[in-house]
Each structure stands twice: as structure tokens, then as C-alpha cells.
Protein backbone atom coordinates (compact mmCIF):
# COMPACT_ATOMS: atom_id res chain seq x y z
CA MET A 1 9.54 -1.54 16.76
CA ASP A 2 10.29 1.40 19.01
CA CYS A 3 11.34 4.45 16.71
CA ALA A 4 13.98 4.68 18.96
CA ASN A 5 15.37 1.27 17.53
CA ARG A 6 15.39 2.53 13.71
CA ASN A 7 18.00 3.70 11.65
CA ASP A 8 15.81 5.94 10.28
CA ASP A 9 15.79 9.46 12.52
CA ALA A 10 15.47 12.93 10.94
CA GLY A 11 18.56 13.57 9.44
CA ASP A 12 20.38 16.54 8.93
CA ALA A 13 19.80 19.30 6.37
CA ASN A 14 22.56 19.26 4.56
CA GLY A 15 24.15 15.40 5.17
CA PRO A 16 23.36 12.80 2.08
CA ALA A 17 20.10 11.93 1.07
CA LEU A 18 17.72 10.26 3.60
CA LEU A 19 16.24 8.86 0.79
CA TRP A 20 18.92 7.03 -0.48
CA GLN A 21 19.95 5.56 3.17
CA PRO A 22 19.22 1.57 3.48
CA LEU A 23 16.29 1.06 5.62
CA THR A 24 15.95 -2.29 7.87
CA LEU A 25 12.68 -3.73 9.33
CA ARG A 26 13.37 -6.84 11.25
CA GLY A 27 15.32 -9.00 9.01
CA LEU A 28 14.50 -7.21 6.19
CA THR A 29 16.86 -4.28 4.81
CA LEU A 30 15.67 -2.09 1.56
CA LYS A 31 18.36 -0.37 -0.12
CA ASN A 32 16.55 3.06 -0.34
CA ARG A 33 13.33 4.45 1.32
CA ILE A 34 11.01 4.37 -1.80
CA MET A 35 8.07 2.68 -2.34
CA VAL A 36 6.29 1.87 -5.75
CA SER A 37 2.57 1.47 -3.86
CA PRO A 38 -0.10 -1.24 -4.63
CA MET A 39 -1.67 0.13 -7.89
CA ALA A 40 -4.59 -1.69 -9.11
CA MET A 41 -4.18 -3.23 -12.78
CA TYR A 42 -7.63 -4.81 -13.14
CA SER A 43 -6.37 -6.98 -15.70
CA ALA A 44 -5.81 -10.76 -14.06
CA GLN A 45 -7.93 -13.43 -14.99
CA ASP A 46 -10.00 -15.02 -12.68
CA GLY A 47 -7.30 -13.82 -10.24
CA PHE A 48 -4.61 -15.12 -11.78
CA VAL A 49 -1.42 -12.37 -13.28
CA ASP A 50 -0.09 -12.69 -16.56
CA ASP A 51 3.18 -11.43 -18.05
CA PHE A 52 1.34 -7.65 -18.51
CA HIS A 53 1.98 -8.04 -14.23
CA LEU A 54 5.27 -9.18 -14.86
CA VAL A 55 6.61 -6.49 -17.18
CA HIS A 56 4.45 -3.88 -15.40
CA LEU A 57 6.06 -4.80 -11.88
CA GLY A 58 9.33 -5.34 -13.19
CA ARG A 59 9.83 -1.70 -14.89
CA PHE A 60 10.12 -0.25 -10.83
CA ALA A 61 12.89 -2.44 -10.01
CA LEU A 62 14.43 -1.88 -13.13
CA GLY A 63 14.23 1.96 -11.98
CA GLY A 64 15.56 1.82 -8.58
CA ALA A 65 12.74 1.71 -6.47
CA GLY A 66 13.83 -0.38 -2.86
CA LEU A 67 10.47 -2.07 -2.61
CA VAL A 68 8.32 -2.48 -5.32
CA PHE A 69 4.15 -3.65 -4.10
CA MET A 70 1.92 -5.50 -6.53
CA GLU A 71 -1.41 -4.38 -6.63
CA ALA A 72 -3.94 -5.60 -4.07
CA ALA A 73 -4.64 -9.44 -4.21
CA ALA A 74 -8.03 -10.71 -3.43
CA VAL A 75 -8.13 -13.27 -0.24
CA SER A 76 -11.27 -15.02 -1.81
CA ARG A 77 -13.39 -15.12 -4.99
CA GLN A 78 -15.90 -13.13 -2.86
CA GLY A 79 -13.48 -10.48 -2.08
CA ARG A 80 -12.71 -9.48 -5.34
CA ILE A 81 -13.27 -5.91 -6.42
CA THR A 82 -13.55 -6.38 -10.03
CA GLN A 83 -13.66 -9.32 -11.99
CA GLY A 84 -9.87 -8.44 -13.29
CA CYS A 85 -8.15 -8.57 -9.86
CA ALA A 86 -5.47 -10.31 -8.82
CA GLY A 87 -6.19 -12.81 -5.66
CA LEU A 88 -3.91 -15.12 -3.62
CA TRP A 89 -7.26 -17.55 -2.95
CA LEU A 90 -5.55 -20.70 -4.72
CA ASP A 91 -2.29 -22.62 -5.07
CA ALA A 92 -2.19 -22.67 -8.61
CA GLN A 93 -2.05 -18.62 -8.34
CA ILE A 94 1.22 -18.85 -7.06
CA PRO A 95 3.67 -19.57 -9.51
CA GLY A 96 2.78 -16.30 -11.03
CA VAL A 97 3.14 -14.33 -8.55
CA ARG A 98 6.20 -15.85 -7.34
CA ARG A 99 7.49 -14.68 -11.32
CA ILE A 100 7.17 -11.41 -10.14
CA ALA A 101 8.56 -11.61 -6.69
CA GLU A 102 11.76 -13.06 -8.26
CA PHE A 103 12.27 -10.37 -11.29
CA LEU A 104 11.95 -8.00 -8.87
CA HIS A 105 14.81 -9.81 -6.63
CA ARG A 106 16.91 -10.17 -9.08
CA PHE A 107 16.90 -5.99 -9.63
CA GLY A 108 17.78 -5.27 -5.89
CA ALA A 109 14.23 -4.50 -5.26
CA ALA A 110 12.13 -6.13 -2.41
CA ALA A 111 8.95 -7.31 -2.88
CA GLY A 112 5.54 -6.09 -1.26
CA ILE A 113 2.08 -7.90 -1.97
CA GLN A 114 -1.20 -6.42 -0.79
CA LEU A 115 -3.73 -8.22 0.95
CA CYS A 116 -7.17 -7.23 0.62
CA HIS A 117 -11.18 -8.23 0.72
CA SER A 118 -13.22 -5.56 -0.76
CA GLY A 119 -16.18 -5.87 1.19
CA HIS A 120 -19.32 -3.94 -0.24
CA LYS A 121 -17.39 -2.78 -3.06
CA GLY A 122 -16.96 -5.92 -4.41
CA SER A 123 -18.55 -7.25 -7.43
CA SER A 124 -18.18 -3.53 -9.70
CA GLN A 125 -17.12 -2.96 -12.96
CA ARG A 126 -13.52 -2.13 -13.76
CA PRO A 127 -13.11 1.49 -13.39
CA TRP A 128 -12.49 2.31 -17.52
CA GLU A 129 -16.15 0.68 -17.79
CA GLY A 130 -17.42 2.68 -15.58
CA GLY A 131 -17.27 1.87 -12.06
CA LYS A 132 -20.68 0.90 -11.21
CA PRO A 133 -21.68 -2.44 -9.74
CA LEU A 134 -21.82 -5.40 -12.09
CA SER A 135 -25.69 -6.95 -12.96
CA GLY A 136 -26.99 -10.39 -14.53
CA PRO A 137 -24.80 -13.56 -14.15
CA GLN A 138 -21.49 -11.61 -13.96
CA ALA A 139 -22.11 -10.01 -10.27
CA TRP A 140 -21.42 -11.68 -7.68
CA GLU A 141 -23.09 -11.67 -3.69
CA THR A 142 -20.74 -9.50 -1.46
CA ALA A 143 -20.46 -9.27 2.44
CA SER A 144 -19.67 -6.80 4.78
CA VAL A 145 -19.86 -5.56 7.94
CA THR A 146 -23.64 -4.69 8.09
CA ALA A 147 -26.41 -4.87 4.86
CA GLU A 148 -25.63 -1.22 4.12
CA PRO A 149 -25.02 -1.08 0.45
CA PHE A 150 -22.00 0.99 -0.72
CA ASP A 151 -24.02 3.79 -2.14
CA ALA A 152 -27.42 4.51 -3.89
CA GLY A 153 -27.87 2.22 -6.25
CA TRP A 154 -25.87 -0.59 -5.14
CA PRO A 155 -26.94 -4.26 -4.03
CA ALA A 156 -27.17 -5.25 -0.25
CA PRO A 157 -24.17 -7.08 1.16
CA HIS A 158 -24.54 -9.87 3.02
CA ALA A 159 -24.22 -9.20 6.70
CA MET A 160 -20.95 -11.35 7.81
CA THR A 161 -22.03 -13.72 10.89
CA ASP A 162 -19.34 -14.71 13.49
CA GLU A 163 -18.99 -17.46 10.98
CA ASP A 164 -18.28 -15.39 8.22
CA LEU A 165 -15.84 -13.62 10.07
CA GLU A 166 -13.47 -16.40 10.68
CA ALA A 167 -13.56 -17.84 7.14
CA VAL A 168 -12.42 -14.59 6.37
CA GLU A 169 -9.88 -14.32 8.71
CA ALA A 170 -8.62 -18.05 7.60
CA ASP A 171 -8.95 -16.53 4.27
CA PHE A 172 -6.04 -13.73 5.10
CA VAL A 173 -3.86 -16.05 6.88
CA ALA A 174 -4.03 -18.54 4.13
CA ALA A 175 -3.07 -15.65 1.70
CA ALA A 176 -0.40 -14.81 3.42
CA ARG A 177 0.96 -17.99 3.66
CA ARG A 178 0.64 -18.08 -0.39
CA ALA A 179 2.97 -14.95 -0.27
CA ASP A 180 5.82 -16.55 1.79
CA GLU A 181 5.57 -19.43 -0.37
CA ALA A 182 6.08 -17.08 -3.79
CA GLY A 183 8.77 -15.29 -2.09
CA PHE A 184 7.43 -11.95 -1.28
CA ASP A 185 9.28 -9.92 1.70
CA VAL A 186 6.47 -7.81 2.63
CA VAL A 187 2.58 -8.14 3.17
CA GLU A 188 0.49 -4.77 3.71
CA LEU A 189 -2.93 -5.66 5.21
CA HIS A 190 -5.62 -3.15 3.03
CA CYS A 191 -7.68 -1.32 6.16
CA ALA A 192 -8.38 1.56 3.54
CA HIS A 193 -10.41 3.04 0.98
CA GLY A 194 -13.66 1.53 2.57
CA TYR A 195 -12.98 -1.94 1.46
CA LEU A 196 -13.80 -4.53 4.50
CA LEU A 197 -11.43 -4.32 6.83
CA HIS A 198 -12.09 -0.30 6.95
CA SER A 199 -15.82 -1.02 7.04
CA PHE A 200 -15.08 -2.51 9.94
CA LEU A 201 -13.39 0.45 11.81
CA SER A 202 -15.22 3.24 10.28
CA PRO A 203 -18.55 4.99 11.92
CA ILE A 204 -19.73 5.71 8.85
CA THR A 205 -19.98 1.85 8.02
CA ASN A 206 -20.19 -0.24 11.33
CA THR A 207 -23.22 -0.10 12.83
CA ARG A 208 -23.16 -3.29 14.26
CA THR A 209 -24.23 -3.21 18.40
CA ASP A 210 -22.88 -6.80 19.01
CA GLY A 211 -18.81 -7.32 19.85
CA TRP A 212 -17.92 -5.86 16.77
CA GLY A 213 -19.08 -2.58 16.92
CA GLY A 214 -20.47 0.50 18.79
CA ASP A 215 -17.34 1.91 20.55
CA LEU A 216 -13.39 2.54 18.84
CA THR A 217 -12.50 -1.20 20.93
CA GLY A 218 -15.66 -2.54 19.37
CA ARG A 219 -14.92 -1.40 15.68
CA MET A 220 -11.27 -2.05 15.64
CA ARG A 221 -11.71 -6.00 16.98
CA TYR A 222 -11.92 -7.47 13.96
CA PRO A 223 -9.15 -5.48 12.10
CA LEU A 224 -6.99 -6.02 14.84
CA ARG A 225 -8.04 -10.12 15.01
CA VAL A 226 -6.74 -10.20 11.13
CA ALA A 227 -3.74 -8.48 11.80
CA GLU A 228 -2.95 -10.62 14.86
CA ALA A 229 -3.52 -13.89 13.10
CA VAL A 230 -1.53 -12.77 9.78
CA ARG A 231 0.91 -11.40 12.20
CA LYS A 232 1.63 -15.67 13.75
CA ALA A 233 1.36 -17.00 9.84
CA TRP A 234 3.64 -14.28 8.56
CA PRO A 235 7.62 -15.85 9.24
CA ALA A 236 8.92 -13.37 12.12
CA ASP A 237 11.87 -12.10 9.98
CA LYS A 238 9.51 -10.76 7.29
CA PRO A 239 8.08 -7.18 8.08
CA LEU A 240 4.35 -6.57 7.85
CA PHE A 241 2.68 -2.91 7.13
CA VAL A 242 -1.41 -2.21 7.16
CA ARG A 243 -2.75 0.16 4.81
CA VAL A 244 -5.22 2.93 7.18
CA SER A 245 -7.31 5.59 5.45
CA ALA A 246 -6.25 8.05 8.53
CA VAL A 247 -9.32 10.00 8.17
CA ASP A 248 -12.47 9.09 6.26
CA GLY A 249 -13.06 12.59 5.43
CA VAL A 250 -13.34 16.16 6.48
CA ASP A 251 -14.61 16.27 10.11
CA VAL A 252 -16.56 12.91 9.80
CA GLY A 253 -17.01 9.73 10.77
CA TRP A 254 -12.98 7.82 10.96
CA VAL A 255 -10.40 10.55 12.70
CA MET A 256 -6.82 11.05 13.17
CA ASP A 257 -7.23 10.16 17.28
CA ASP A 258 -9.23 6.68 15.84
CA THR A 259 -6.15 6.22 13.11
CA VAL A 260 -3.41 6.67 16.12
CA ALA A 261 -4.92 4.63 18.63
CA PHE A 262 -5.27 1.90 15.94
CA ALA A 263 -1.44 2.06 14.89
CA ARG A 264 -0.59 1.94 18.94
CA GLU A 265 -2.71 -1.35 18.80
CA LEU A 266 -1.50 -2.65 15.53
CA ARG A 267 2.17 -1.86 16.74
CA ALA A 268 1.67 -4.24 19.90
CA ARG A 269 0.08 -7.07 17.86
CA GLY A 270 3.58 -6.88 15.91
CA ILE A 271 2.57 -4.39 12.53
CA ASP A 272 5.67 -3.16 11.86
CA ALA A 273 4.79 -0.01 9.47
CA VAL A 274 1.59 2.37 8.94
CA ASP A 275 0.65 3.42 5.28
CA CYS A 276 -1.39 6.37 5.49
CA SER A 277 -4.07 6.96 3.11
CA SER A 278 -7.52 8.63 3.59
CA GLY A 279 -10.55 8.82 2.08
CA GLY A 280 -12.69 5.53 0.06
CA GLN A 281 -16.22 5.79 1.76
CA ARG A 282 -19.56 7.48 0.32
CA LEU A 283 -19.36 11.21 1.05
CA THR A 284 -20.76 14.23 -0.01
CA ARG A 285 -18.47 16.65 -1.58
CA GLN A 286 -18.22 19.12 1.31
CA GLN A 287 -16.90 15.90 3.63
CA MET A 288 -14.12 15.02 0.68
CA LEU A 289 -10.57 15.95 1.01
CA ILE A 290 -9.12 18.08 -1.09
CA SER A 291 -5.97 16.16 -2.98
CA ARG A 292 -4.25 18.39 -5.35
CA VAL A 293 -1.66 19.64 -2.96
CA PRO A 294 1.89 17.98 -3.12
CA GLY A 295 2.20 15.92 0.03
CA PHE A 296 -1.43 16.38 1.22
CA GLN A 297 -1.45 13.34 3.23
CA VAL A 298 2.34 13.48 4.72
CA PRO A 299 0.77 14.86 8.37
CA PHE A 300 -1.17 11.93 8.66
CA ALA A 301 2.07 10.06 8.46
CA ALA A 302 3.81 12.05 10.45
CA ARG A 303 1.29 12.23 13.32
CA VAL A 304 1.43 8.27 14.02
CA ARG A 305 4.92 7.73 13.40
CA ARG A 306 5.76 10.68 16.57
CA GLU A 307 2.44 9.72 18.75
CA ALA A 308 2.34 5.78 18.08
CA GLY A 309 6.24 5.12 17.23
CA ILE A 310 5.53 3.00 14.85
CA ALA A 311 6.95 3.12 11.37
CA THR A 312 5.04 4.98 8.61
CA VAL A 313 4.45 5.20 4.87
CA ALA A 314 4.17 8.62 3.22
CA VAL A 315 2.04 8.79 0.17
CA GLY A 316 0.03 11.28 -1.77
CA LEU A 317 1.54 13.39 -5.06
CA ILE A 318 4.78 13.04 -3.26
CA ARG A 319 6.61 13.71 -7.00
CA ASP A 320 9.72 15.89 -6.40
CA PRO A 321 12.74 13.93 -5.03
CA GLU A 322 13.72 16.88 -3.00
CA HIS A 323 10.21 17.19 -1.25
CA ALA A 324 10.62 13.11 -0.67
CA ASP A 325 13.44 13.70 1.24
CA ALA A 326 12.75 16.67 2.95
CA VAL A 327 9.90 14.28 4.57
CA LEU A 328 12.30 11.84 5.59
CA ARG A 329 14.02 14.82 7.53
CA ALA A 330 12.01 16.18 9.06
CA GLY A 331 11.23 12.76 10.62
CA ASP A 332 7.27 12.22 9.30
CA ALA A 333 8.01 8.93 7.52
CA ASP A 334 9.85 6.55 7.05
CA LEU A 335 9.18 5.36 3.84
CA ILE A 336 8.21 7.60 0.52
CA ALA A 337 5.35 5.68 -1.41
CA VAL A 338 5.27 6.60 -5.24
CA ALA A 339 2.38 5.79 -7.59
CA ARG A 340 0.46 7.18 -10.04
CA GLU A 341 4.49 9.21 -10.78
CA ALA A 342 5.93 5.96 -11.04
CA LEU A 343 3.08 5.14 -14.25
CA VAL A 344 4.55 8.37 -15.48
CA GLN A 345 8.06 8.05 -14.82
CA PRO A 346 8.93 4.41 -14.09
CA ASN A 347 12.55 5.55 -13.68
CA TRP A 348 11.82 8.19 -10.94
CA ALA A 349 13.96 6.23 -8.22
CA ALA A 350 16.79 5.95 -10.62
CA GLN A 351 16.02 10.04 -11.79
CA ALA A 352 16.05 10.84 -8.07
CA ALA A 353 19.35 9.23 -7.24
CA LEU A 354 20.50 11.57 -9.92
CA ALA A 355 19.19 14.90 -9.08
CA LEU A 356 20.30 14.52 -4.98
CA GLY A 357 23.67 12.41 -5.46
CA GLY A 358 24.98 13.89 -8.89
CA ASP A 359 26.69 10.98 -11.15
CA ALA A 360 27.28 9.22 -7.97
CA GLY A 361 23.63 8.28 -8.31
CA TRP A 362 24.67 6.19 -11.80
CA GLY A 363 25.11 3.62 -9.50
CA ASP A 364 21.72 2.90 -9.10
CA TRP A 365 21.02 2.61 -12.65
CA PRO A 366 21.09 -1.51 -13.93
CA GLU A 367 24.07 -1.67 -15.81
CA GLN A 368 22.55 -2.94 -18.79
CA PHE A 369 21.59 0.30 -19.88
CA GLY A 370 22.98 2.78 -17.06
CA TRP A 371 26.51 2.58 -18.52
CA TRP A 372 25.09 3.69 -22.25
CA LEU A 373 22.79 6.78 -20.31
CA GLN A 374 25.92 7.61 -18.28
CA ARG A 375 28.23 7.53 -21.48
CA ARG A 376 25.70 10.16 -23.36
CA ALA A 377 25.77 12.08 -20.47
CA ARG A 378 29.08 12.85 -20.56
CA GLN A 379 29.33 13.00 -24.18
CA GLN A 380 26.37 15.71 -24.08
CA GLY A 381 27.77 17.16 -20.85
CA GLU A 382 24.04 16.71 -19.58
CA SER A 383 23.52 16.98 -15.66
CA PHE A 384 20.86 15.54 -14.07
CA ASN A 385 21.93 17.12 -10.70
CA LYS A 386 18.65 18.48 -11.05
CA PRO A 387 14.48 17.88 -9.69
CA VAL A 388 12.79 15.37 -11.58
CA PRO A 389 10.28 16.72 -13.57
CA ARG A 390 6.92 17.66 -12.48
CA HIS A 391 3.73 16.53 -14.08
CA GLN A 392 0.17 17.17 -13.83
CA GLY A 393 -2.50 14.59 -11.98
């Protein structure tokens, strides 16, 4: 979608908050520009979600976000990261995620789901269990761009053949169709953080010498093929996002010039937005990004938006609504994604409406409890026209 055709140009510094302006992507209109990022909870049972996921994600719709993403759903059993990963490789998994999409819709949020194959980072422990590779009967064989292990002490994956690539492409397409049947409004392909599609893009991991490797064109070929296949299977009136690691690290591997080139190719294939994250490869500490500065990934989204002419999502330590709105006003992104901050404050979006819009922001709270809180605020003479409190971490 051409930037010139979007209702999301940089705003007047004194105008109404852009964070609360609607955004239309294809046939979907979001009520605001706040997106809750996919966050793996590692709490599914054999890929099936349960009431934990419904309550966890439902809080963000009640809290006012315009677009709420369910965590990454594996497109196959082999493509799980951990035993606790959600999945969408079976029709039987549809009813559970449909409940989530329906609840999000009930409270005004669009429903998104991220589709992922773990590649050589699969068959691992949950993070709080150590995050190391599984062993014994719990482990499963992983598959990746080459037979190179993710890191020292990790098992060698199976190097994918052409037949394997066709099968995984079909898995992504089938999962997208299930997502549509479940009622999701947006699908995001996970091409970041060292997982399978990212491992094809990055020269750190893709050392193949066939048509799926080599130069930038070769390394982009398979992720673009998957994106094109999913776009054809995903309804034409529904947007399709792609999450990328805009850079692998500091002056190493995949770089911003590559991301801009990839984004242009994605746009040509009908992708609607690029979600700009970073990292995920095995790197030395010196090569890793320092991610302690608020908005440290915003320049990635800004450059992709301007040079590739595609909508972007800015993510990464954006915790202050004034900061979020300033990113939009500068024309650096089209959506602001919050993740860990939403875990700290599930009502971040609704609080931001009050911080940026004063009492008018009460209209963005669910009536079931917004009326009561507004009454209390008036009785106590409280002012909500102030920033959402900042948190550490």
C-alpha cells in the first residue's frame, strides 16, 4: 500500500493526538494506532490454547488497544519453539483461538495472530526453565536453512531440502486459512529473531550455495515465496504484516539496506505493514544492540516507511504516550506496538487516552467499569491528563 494513500501522515504538533486516530489497512479500520505485540506465554498444551490465553489477551481489549496480537502460533509440531507454544497446525486448534478473536472483537479490538516456524531454535526449554535445548524423549528434530546448530551445545538441525521447503510453505498457508476461519483480522509472518524465515534472510545463518542462498536475492527468495503464498491464501480485504529483525546486530549480518530492499519486495507482493524489531542471532555481546534507550528501534521503522513506501510498526521500549504520539507525528511509523509495558499495565491504551485527551478519553474505557472510575475521578478531583507512569525494564 502506497504511503500517499494512507490516512496516517505526520500530524500537526498542536493537533489532536494521532495515537487515537483510526487507521485503515485494506478492509480493516483500527480504532486507534496502539497494537499489543505477540508475546509468547509458553503455556499451551500440545499447541492448544486455554482460558489462560483468553484472559491474558482479553485484558488488552478491555484496556483499549486497537489491535491485539495473539502470540506466535507454530505452523507445525516441528516448528514449535517449546512444548508450551501455541499452534495452528490442526483444525481442532481453531475453536480455542476463535474464542480469543471473538472476545477481542466484542470489546472493539481487531484480532491478530503471528505465524511462526522455529527453525534451529526449536525443541528448547521454556525461558524460565533455562531456555536450553531439550534432551531425551521430550526433544524433537529441528529443521533449518543449514545443518548448523543455533549455538554451542545445541543439536544440529536437519538442513531443509526443496521438498521440506514446499511442505513448510504449505504449513504456513494452511495455518493462515485456519486463522481466517477462526475470525482473525490480521496475520503476521515471523521473519525475525533467528527463527526459520529470518535464518534464510541472514548471511550469518544462510550459507547455502543453491538458489535459496548466496546473495541477497537468493537469501530473500524463500521468505518472499512464503509471503506471496500466504498473501494469496489470506483474504484480499484483510491486512498481512511481516515482522523483521531490521538488523542482526552492530555492523554484522543482515543490515538496514537489506531490510529496505526486503520491504520493497514485500510491498510488491501485497504485504501491508512491516513490524520492525531487531536481533535474535547468535552474536557476541559487542555485536548485540543496546536496548535500554526508549524507542531504540524507531529509526528502523522510520527508514523502512520512508524508503520502501510501506506502513510500519514501531516497537521497543515505547512506554510513554507522548513519546508514542510523537513517533507518529514525525511520520516514523503507522502503528505503535507495546508488549512488556502492556504486561505491567494492561490498561495502557485507555490510560493513554486520558493522558492525551483529558476527560474525553473516558469514552475509550469499557462502560462496565469506565463509568465508575470516571465518577471516582470527579469526586476526588483527580486529573488523568498526565503521562502513564513509566516503569523500569
